[in-house]
Protein backbone atom coordinates (compact mmCIF):
# COMPACT_ATOMS: atom_id res chain seq x y z
CA UNK A 1 175.47 113.51 50.57
CA UNK A 2 177.37 113.68 53.31
CA UNK A 3 177.95 110.89 56.02
CA UNK A 4 174.92 111.40 58.04
CA UNK A 5 172.79 111.46 55.00
CA UNK A 6 174.29 107.91 54.27
CA UNK A 7 173.93 106.80 57.75
CA UNK A 8 170.19 108.11 57.44
CA UNK A 9 169.33 106.07 54.42
CA UNK A 10 170.90 103.01 55.61
CA UNK A 11 169.20 103.11 59.10
CA UNK A 12 165.99 103.74 56.76
CA UNK A 13 166.91 100.10 54.77
CA UNK A 14 167.46 98.64 57.70
CA UNK A 15 164.39 99.50 59.22
CA UNK A 16 162.77 98.90 56.37
CA UNK A 17 163.05 95.19 56.52
CA UNK A 18 161.63 94.71 59.76
CA UNK A 19 158.84 97.13 59.68
CA UNK A 20 156.44 99.89 57.59
CA UNK A 21 158.12 103.11 57.48
CA UNK A 22 156.69 106.23 58.37
CA UNK A 23 155.77 108.78 55.64
CA UNK A 24 158.34 111.05 55.94
CA UNK A 25 160.70 107.93 56.47
CA UNK A 26 159.41 106.40 53.01
CA UNK A 27 159.42 109.79 51.13
CA UNK A 28 163.25 110.30 51.97
CA UNK A 29 164.05 106.75 50.81
CA UNK A 30 162.00 106.85 47.60
CA UNK A 31 163.95 110.09 46.81
CA UNK A 32 167.25 108.58 47.41
CA UNK A 33 166.53 105.62 45.38
CA UNK A 34 164.95 108.26 42.66
CA UNK A 35 168.27 110.09 43.07
CA UNK A 36 170.60 107.14 41.00
CA UNK A 37 169.85 104.43 39.16
CA UNK A 38 172.71 102.11 41.85
CA UNK A 39 170.72 103.03 44.30
CA UNK A 40 167.71 101.58 43.44
CA UNK A 41 169.73 98.69 42.09
CA UNK A 42 171.78 98.07 45.46
CA UNK A 43 167.93 98.46 47.14
CA UNK A 44 166.68 95.84 45.21
CA UNK A 45 169.76 93.34 45.47
CA UNK A 46 168.85 93.90 49.51
CA UNK A 47 165.65 93.02 49.16
CA UNK A 48 166.18 90.15 47.21
CA UNK A 49 168.85 88.48 49.23
CA UNK A 50 167.37 89.36 52.24
CA UNK A 51 170.64 90.17 54.00
CA UNK A 52 171.46 93.12 54.96
CA UNK A 53 174.06 92.21 57.13
CA UNK A 54 176.84 92.30 54.49
CA UNK A 55 175.69 95.99 53.71
CA UNK A 56 175.03 97.03 57.18
CA UNK A 57 178.74 95.61 58.13
CA UNK A 58 180.38 97.51 54.95
CA UNK A 59 179.07 100.41 56.00
CA UNK A 60 180.09 100.48 59.49
CA UNK A 61 183.58 99.90 59.05
CA UNK A 62 183.35 103.45 56.90
CA UNK A 63 186.17 105.88 58.94
CA UNK A 64 184.54 109.29 59.37
């Protein structure tokens, strides 16, 4: 997965906190969740905590 794909997933996760995803977005997120058990674990932790800001901050610090 390249940086653009990671960014896209981050956008989808953030969006899912605020509003429903459309069918294509939901499909992309579900594919990422199914790709690796760690992805699902991260997503579930974010959803349970309700705090995307720490994840978002760490993602924005990545030097591309």
